[in-house]
Protein backbone atom coordinates (compact mmCIF):
# COMPACT_ATOMS: atom_id res chain seq x y z
CA MET A 1 1.41 -14.49 29.14
CA ALA A 2 4.37 -15.44 31.04
CA ASN A 3 3.39 -19.11 31.42
CA LEU A 4 2.72 -19.75 27.81
CA PRO A 5 5.72 -20.77 25.59
CA LYS A 6 6.89 -19.44 22.29
CA ILE A 7 5.22 -21.03 19.27
CA ALA A 8 7.40 -20.26 16.37
CA VAL A 9 10.47 -18.24 14.84
CA VAL A 10 9.60 -15.61 12.34
CA ALA A 11 12.03 -14.01 9.70
CA PRO A 12 11.11 -10.37 8.79
CA TYR A 13 11.81 -8.73 5.47
CA VAL A 14 10.62 -5.64 3.63
CA ASP A 15 7.99 -6.84 1.26
CA THR A 16 6.79 -3.66 -0.41
CA ILE A 17 7.58 0.05 -0.38
CA GLU A 18 5.68 2.74 -2.28
CA LEU A 19 7.13 6.13 -3.17
CA SER A 20 5.59 9.33 -4.34
CA SER A 21 6.86 12.39 -6.36
CA THR A 22 5.31 15.27 -8.34
CA ARG A 23 8.05 14.61 -11.10
CA ARG A 24 8.08 11.66 -13.52
CA PHE A 25 10.64 9.03 -12.43
CA HIS A 26 13.74 8.71 -14.61
CA PRO A 27 13.68 5.70 -16.70
CA ALA A 28 17.31 4.92 -15.71
CA LEU A 29 16.21 4.82 -11.97
CA ILE A 30 13.32 2.45 -12.90
CA ARG A 31 15.71 0.10 -14.80
CA ALA A 32 18.16 0.11 -11.90
CA LEU A 33 15.37 -0.55 -9.41
CA LYS A 34 14.04 -3.58 -11.38
CA ALA A 35 17.46 -5.18 -11.50
CA ASN A 36 17.88 -4.85 -7.80
CA SER A 37 14.54 -5.82 -6.54
CA GLY A 38 11.79 -8.40 -6.92
CA SER A 39 9.81 -5.94 -9.17
CA ALA A 40 9.41 -2.22 -9.68
CA PHE A 41 6.71 -0.29 -11.70
CA PRO A 42 5.66 3.22 -11.78
CA LYS A 43 2.17 4.53 -11.87
CA MET A 44 0.51 7.82 -12.83
CA HIS A 45 -2.39 9.49 -10.90
CA LYS A 46 -4.57 11.50 -13.21
CA ASP A 47 -7.31 13.90 -12.48
CA GLN A 48 -10.81 12.27 -12.82
CA ASN A 49 -12.23 15.18 -14.77
CA ASN A 50 -9.13 16.14 -16.85
CA PRO A 51 -7.17 13.12 -17.88
CA LYS A 52 -4.30 15.29 -19.11
CA LEU A 53 -3.65 16.61 -15.66
CA ILE A 54 -1.28 14.27 -13.68
CA TRP A 55 -1.40 15.05 -9.94
CA ARG A 56 1.44 12.80 -8.96
CA TYR A 57 3.77 9.82 -9.80
CA THR A 58 4.09 6.81 -7.56
CA LEU A 59 6.69 4.02 -7.63
CA ILE A 60 5.97 0.52 -6.20
CA VAL A 61 9.03 -1.55 -5.25
CA ASN A 62 8.63 -5.32 -4.10
CA GLN A 63 11.26 -7.12 -2.07
CA PRO A 64 13.92 -4.36 -2.39
CA SER A 65 17.66 -5.18 -1.83
CA ARG A 66 19.95 -3.05 0.22
CA PHE A 67 21.47 -1.60 -2.88
CA CYS A 68 17.97 -0.75 -4.11
CA ILE A 69 17.43 1.23 -0.80
CA ALA A 70 20.84 2.98 -1.40
CA LEU A 71 19.72 4.01 -4.88
CA LEU A 72 16.57 5.45 -3.66
CA GLN A 73 18.46 7.43 -0.92
CA LEU A 74 20.65 8.86 -3.59
CA TYR A 75 17.49 9.92 -5.60
CA THR A 76 16.18 12.02 -2.64
CA GLU A 77 19.16 14.38 -3.39
CA VAL A 78 17.84 15.00 -6.99
CA ASP A 79 14.11 15.09 -6.30
CA CYS A 80 13.09 17.32 -3.27
CA ASN A 81 9.55 16.17 -3.60
CA PHE A 82 10.40 12.40 -3.40
CA SER A 83 8.80 10.79 -0.40
CA LEU A 84 8.33 7.29 1.09
CA TYR A 85 4.64 6.88 2.05
CA ARG A 86 3.79 3.31 2.24
CA LEU A 87 5.80 0.32 3.63
CA HIS A 88 4.70 -3.41 4.12
CA LEU A 89 6.90 -5.30 6.53
CA ALA A 90 6.48 -9.11 6.30
CA PHE A 91 7.11 -11.98 8.73
CA ASP A 92 7.42 -15.51 7.52
CA VAL A 93 7.39 -18.46 9.92
CA ILE A 94 10.57 -20.36 9.19
CA ARG A 95 10.36 -22.85 12.22
CA THR A 96 7.82 -23.95 14.72
CA HIS A 97 8.79 -24.87 18.32
CA ASP A 98 8.42 -28.25 19.89
CA GLY A 99 4.89 -29.10 20.99
CA TRP A 100 3.37 -26.93 18.21
CA THR A 101 1.90 -27.96 14.83
CA TYR A 102 1.49 -26.08 11.66
CA GLU A 103 -2.13 -25.96 12.21
CA GLY A 104 -1.82 -24.62 15.80
CA VAL A 105 0.53 -21.73 14.77
CA THR A 106 -1.84 -20.99 11.86
CA GLU A 107 -4.85 -20.79 14.19
CA VAL A 108 -2.96 -18.50 16.69
CA LEU A 109 -1.64 -15.97 14.06
CA LYS A 110 -4.97 -15.95 12.00
CA ASN A 111 -7.39 -15.65 14.95
CA LEU A 112 -5.46 -14.22 17.81
CA LEU A 113 -3.35 -11.53 16.29
CA HIS A 114 -4.88 -8.07 16.84
CA LEU A 115 -3.94 -4.82 15.18
CA ARG A 116 -3.31 -2.18 17.58
CA TYR A 117 -5.31 1.26 17.27
CA ARG A 118 -7.90 -0.54 15.27
CA LYS A 119 -11.38 0.83 15.41
CA HIS A 120 -14.14 -1.44 16.68
CA THR A 121 -16.39 -0.24 13.78
CA ASP A 122 -13.91 -1.85 11.30
CA SER A 123 -14.65 -5.22 9.79
CA ILE A 124 -12.49 -8.15 9.05
CA TYR A 125 -12.22 -8.98 5.27
CA GLU A 126 -11.27 -12.42 3.86
CA TYR A 127 -10.50 -12.88 0.15
CA GLU A 128 -9.10 -15.91 -1.55
CA GLY A 129 -7.38 -17.26 1.66
CA THR A 130 -6.09 -13.93 2.79
CA THR A 131 -7.40 -12.20 5.95
CA TYR A 132 -7.25 -8.52 6.30
CA SER A 133 -7.70 -6.84 9.70
CA ILE A 134 -9.48 -3.89 8.20
CA SER A 135 -11.83 -4.01 5.19
CA VAL A 136 -11.03 -1.13 2.78
CA ALA A 137 -14.24 -1.57 0.73
CA ARG A 138 -16.58 1.53 0.79
CA ARG A 139 -14.18 3.48 2.75
CA LYS A 140 -13.78 7.31 2.06
CA SER A 141 -9.96 7.02 2.69
CA ARG A 142 -7.38 4.37 3.05
CA PRO A 143 -6.67 3.14 6.58
CA TYR A 144 -3.49 4.36 8.36
CA ARG A 145 -2.41 0.74 9.02
CA ASN A 146 -3.61 -2.84 8.33
CA LEU A 147 -2.66 -6.46 9.09
CA CYS A 148 -2.50 -9.17 6.57
CA PHE A 149 -2.31 -12.96 7.01
CA TYR A 150 -2.25 -15.94 4.54
CA ASN A 151 -0.74 -19.49 4.41
CA SER A 152 -1.21 -20.37 0.80
CA LYS A 153 2.01 -19.16 -1.00
CA PRO A 154 5.73 -20.14 -0.93
CA SER A 155 8.06 -18.36 1.55
CA ASN A 156 10.20 -15.82 0.05
CA ILE A 157 12.99 -16.81 2.38
CA THR A 158 13.09 -20.52 2.51
CA GLY A 159 10.97 -21.46 -0.44
CA GLU A 160 8.67 -23.57 1.75
CA ASP A 161 5.18 -24.13 0.25
CA ASN A 162 2.22 -22.81 2.11
CA CYS A 163 4.33 -20.66 4.37
CA ILE A 164 2.69 -18.95 7.30
CA HIS A 165 2.84 -15.26 6.40
CA VAL A 166 2.00 -12.12 8.22
CA GLU A 167 2.35 -8.51 7.03
CA ILE A 168 2.12 -5.28 8.89
CA ARG A 169 1.15 -2.75 6.39
CA MET A 170 1.89 0.95 7.01
CA GLU A 171 -0.51 2.47 4.51
CA ARG A 172 -0.04 6.16 4.99
CA LYS A 173 2.92 8.52 5.27
CA ARG A 174 2.03 9.64 8.83
CA THR A 175 2.24 5.83 9.92
CA VAL A 176 5.39 5.25 8.23
CA GLN A 177 6.89 8.31 9.93
CA ALA A 178 5.68 7.26 13.26
CA ALA A 179 7.67 4.11 12.94
CA GLY A 180 10.79 6.24 12.66
CA ILE A 181 11.16 5.93 8.83
CA LEU A 182 11.62 9.40 7.43
CA ALA A 183 13.96 8.53 4.41
CA PRO A 184 14.66 5.38 2.46
CA SER A 185 18.02 4.85 4.23
CA ASP A 186 16.01 4.47 7.66
CA ILE A 187 14.57 1.34 6.30
CA LEU A 188 18.10 -0.37 6.83
CA SER A 189 17.87 0.27 10.62
CA ILE A 190 14.39 -1.05 11.12
CA LYS A 191 14.02 -3.00 14.33
CA PRO A 192 11.50 -5.79 13.36
CA LYS A 193 10.52 -6.83 16.84
CA GLU A 194 9.94 -3.23 17.92
CA VAL A 195 7.84 -2.50 14.78
CA PHE A 196 5.80 -5.80 15.51
CA GLU A 197 5.10 -4.93 19.10
CA LYS A 198 4.21 -1.23 18.12
CA PHE A 199 1.48 -2.41 15.60
CA ALA A 200 0.21 -5.85 16.70
CA VAL A 201 -0.49 -7.81 19.90
CA VAL A 202 -1.47 -11.48 20.57
CA LYS A 203 -4.14 -12.20 23.11
CA ASP A 204 -5.73 -15.63 23.68
CA HIS A 205 -9.41 -15.22 24.30
CA ARG A 206 -10.55 -18.78 23.62
CA ARG A 207 -10.92 -19.75 27.30
CA ALA A 208 -12.91 -16.58 27.94
CA LEU A 209 -15.10 -17.08 24.88
CA GLU A 210 -15.92 -20.64 25.96
CA GLU A 211 -17.00 -19.51 29.40
CA ILE A 212 -19.23 -16.95 27.82
CA THR A 213 -20.60 -19.51 25.35
CA LEU A 214 -21.46 -21.93 28.12
CA ARG A 215 -23.06 -19.31 30.19
CA GLY A 216 -25.26 -18.17 27.33
CA VAL A 217 -26.25 -21.80 26.71
CA ALA A 218 -27.15 -22.27 30.43
CA LEU A 219 -29.25 -19.00 30.35
CA THR A 220 -30.97 -19.96 26.94
CA SER A 221 -31.79 -23.47 28.35
CA ARG A 222 -33.59 -21.99 31.40
CA ALA A 223 -35.47 -19.47 29.00
CA TYR A 224 -36.41 -22.30 26.63
CA PRO A 225 -36.86 -25.51 28.85
CA ASP A 226 -38.59 -27.44 26.02
CA GLU A 227 -35.61 -27.13 23.63
CA CYS A 228 -32.82 -29.81 23.65
CA PRO A 229 -29.72 -28.19 25.33
CA SER A 230 -27.31 -29.68 22.69
CA VAL A 231 -29.38 -28.12 19.92
CA LEU A 232 -29.24 -24.79 21.78
CA GLU A 233 -25.54 -25.16 22.19
CA ARG A 234 -24.98 -25.95 18.49
CA ARG A 235 -27.08 -22.94 17.43
CA LEU A 236 -25.22 -20.65 19.88
CA ARG A 237 -21.87 -21.70 18.79
CA ALA A 238 -22.89 -21.39 15.08
CA LEU A 239 -24.09 -17.71 16.02
CA ASN A 240 -20.66 -17.08 17.42
CA LYS A 241 -18.93 -18.32 14.27
CA ARG A 242 -21.16 -16.16 12.09
CA ILE A 243 -20.50 -13.10 14.11
CA GLY A 244 -16.84 -13.82 14.02
CA LEU A 245 -16.03 -14.01 17.81
CA HIS A 246 -13.21 -16.50 16.98
CA TRP A 247 -11.28 -13.46 15.84
CA ILE A 248 -9.84 -11.49 18.76
CA SER A 249 -10.52 -8.23 17.04
CA ILE A 250 -14.27 -9.04 16.77
CA TYR A 251 -14.23 -10.26 20.33
CA ALA A 252 -12.67 -6.80 21.30
CA ARG A 253 -15.67 -5.07 19.79
CA HIS A 254 -18.26 -7.12 21.71
CA TYR A 255 -16.46 -7.71 24.86
CA PRO A 256 -13.99 -4.76 25.26
CA ASP A 257 -13.67 -4.98 29.11
CA SER A 258 -12.83 -8.67 28.86
CA PHE A 259 -10.37 -7.98 26.11
CA ASP A 260 -8.59 -5.36 28.19
CA ARG A 261 -8.28 -7.85 31.03
CA LEU A 262 -6.52 -10.42 28.72
CA GLU A 263 -2.75 -10.71 29.12
CA LYS A 264 -0.50 -10.11 26.14
CA TRP A 265 1.10 -13.16 24.75
CA ASP A 266 4.57 -12.77 23.58
CA CYS A 267 4.43 -15.94 21.40
CA LEU A 268 6.86 -15.30 18.65
CA ASP A 269 10.54 -15.21 18.36
CA VAL A 270 11.35 -12.34 15.97
CA GLU A 271 14.68 -12.37 14.36
CA GLU A 272 16.61 -9.10 15.30
CA GLU A 273 17.88 -8.37 11.69
CA LEU A 274 15.87 -7.93 8.43
CA ASN A 275 16.58 -10.44 5.65
CA TRP A 276 17.68 -8.94 2.39
CA ALA A 277 18.01 -9.94 -1.18
CA SER A 278 21.29 -10.26 -3.00
CA VAL A 279 21.97 -7.85 -5.90
CA ASP A 280 21.00 -9.85 -9.04
CA ILE A 281 23.05 -12.92 -8.15
CA ALA A 282 21.84 -16.39 -7.65
CA CYS A 283 21.43 -17.31 -3.99
CA ALA A 284 23.58 -20.07 -2.45
CA SER A 285 21.88 -22.59 -0.27
CA GLU A 286 23.72 -21.86 2.79
CA VAL A 287 22.83 -18.01 2.54
CA ARG A 288 19.37 -17.27 3.71
CA GLU A 289 18.17 -14.60 1.14
CA LEU A 290 15.01 -13.95 -0.74
CA ARG A 291 14.58 -16.67 -3.36
CA SER A 292 11.92 -14.77 -5.14
CA LEU A 293 14.53 -12.39 -6.37
CA LEU A 294 16.60 -15.07 -8.38
CA PRO A 295 17.05 -13.83 -11.89
CA THR A 296 15.79 -15.95 -14.66
CA HIS A 297 18.63 -16.55 -17.26
CA ALA A 298 18.25 -18.22 -20.58
CA TYR A 299 21.90 -18.91 -20.89
CA PRO A 300 23.95 -21.59 -19.31
CA PRO A 301 24.96 -21.26 -15.58
CA ALA A 302 28.64 -20.69 -16.43
CA LYS A 303 27.82 -17.34 -17.94
CA ARG A 304 26.24 -15.97 -14.79
CA HIS A 305 27.93 -13.40 -12.75
CA ALA A 306 30.24 -15.81 -11.14
CA ALA A 307 32.83 -13.18 -10.23
CA ALA A 308 30.63 -10.73 -8.55
CA VAL A 309 30.69 -10.34 -4.73
CA ARG A 310 27.37 -11.43 -3.42
CA GLU A 311 25.63 -9.57 -0.66
CA ARG A 312 25.41 -11.65 2.55
CA LEU A 313 23.26 -11.43 5.62
């Protein structure tokens, strides 16, 4: 919507990547990745009928640094079966614009953010304060993409408590490749705004939903003249809440034509470059990097890597 202002500035970063291979990952690689990322751990996928048979090995890396990406790119030259098949791109709200409150931005991103290419038959899932655009329970296969929202944890960039956090989750290899990421080195050239617009859209359906609700109240009042109109309105609004019409994705299922007529709302200022973590070096306050990657040292600060050259944004 051209007449609606921006609501906030969001800072993007790579939250999680998952890699797969038919060969066991070398312990030296795992140690190096752990030292240059938030966390890294391998997993084995065994056959259900024959536990001795291992089909593949996966490696999950959280909050990788640029040096971590370089290590993974080098490893592709050693293992020809090594592939990147899952990537979660996160966006943290670091500043709200004038005229907008924390609660207002939360409502917009939680209820009005719609995952593109989402099937109308998919259901929204809420768990411990986190909202997923697609519920994965009782599915035969993992969805190609998903959208995750929560505002109950600190920001990995600013350290702010209860930061508004949105994740675009590319859950399958075909989706990752569709975003132009064919190798680990391609992660360094991600354009966050382009990825956000490719997978998500914001549409404000609140006015249209209010008109539909009031029209329904008027029709119901004529059908049941003996009932109090305020009681009918309260019941109808409760029914809308139970159905989930406050979510734009559920509204799109029940009113697809109205959803298509809604204008897109470019409401976020997405930073052009990704935020990255330093390589095992404590972050300075003037440099915005992922604070979750600060190494924990038991020895005095004087013995830390003071002479090392830190990685800057």
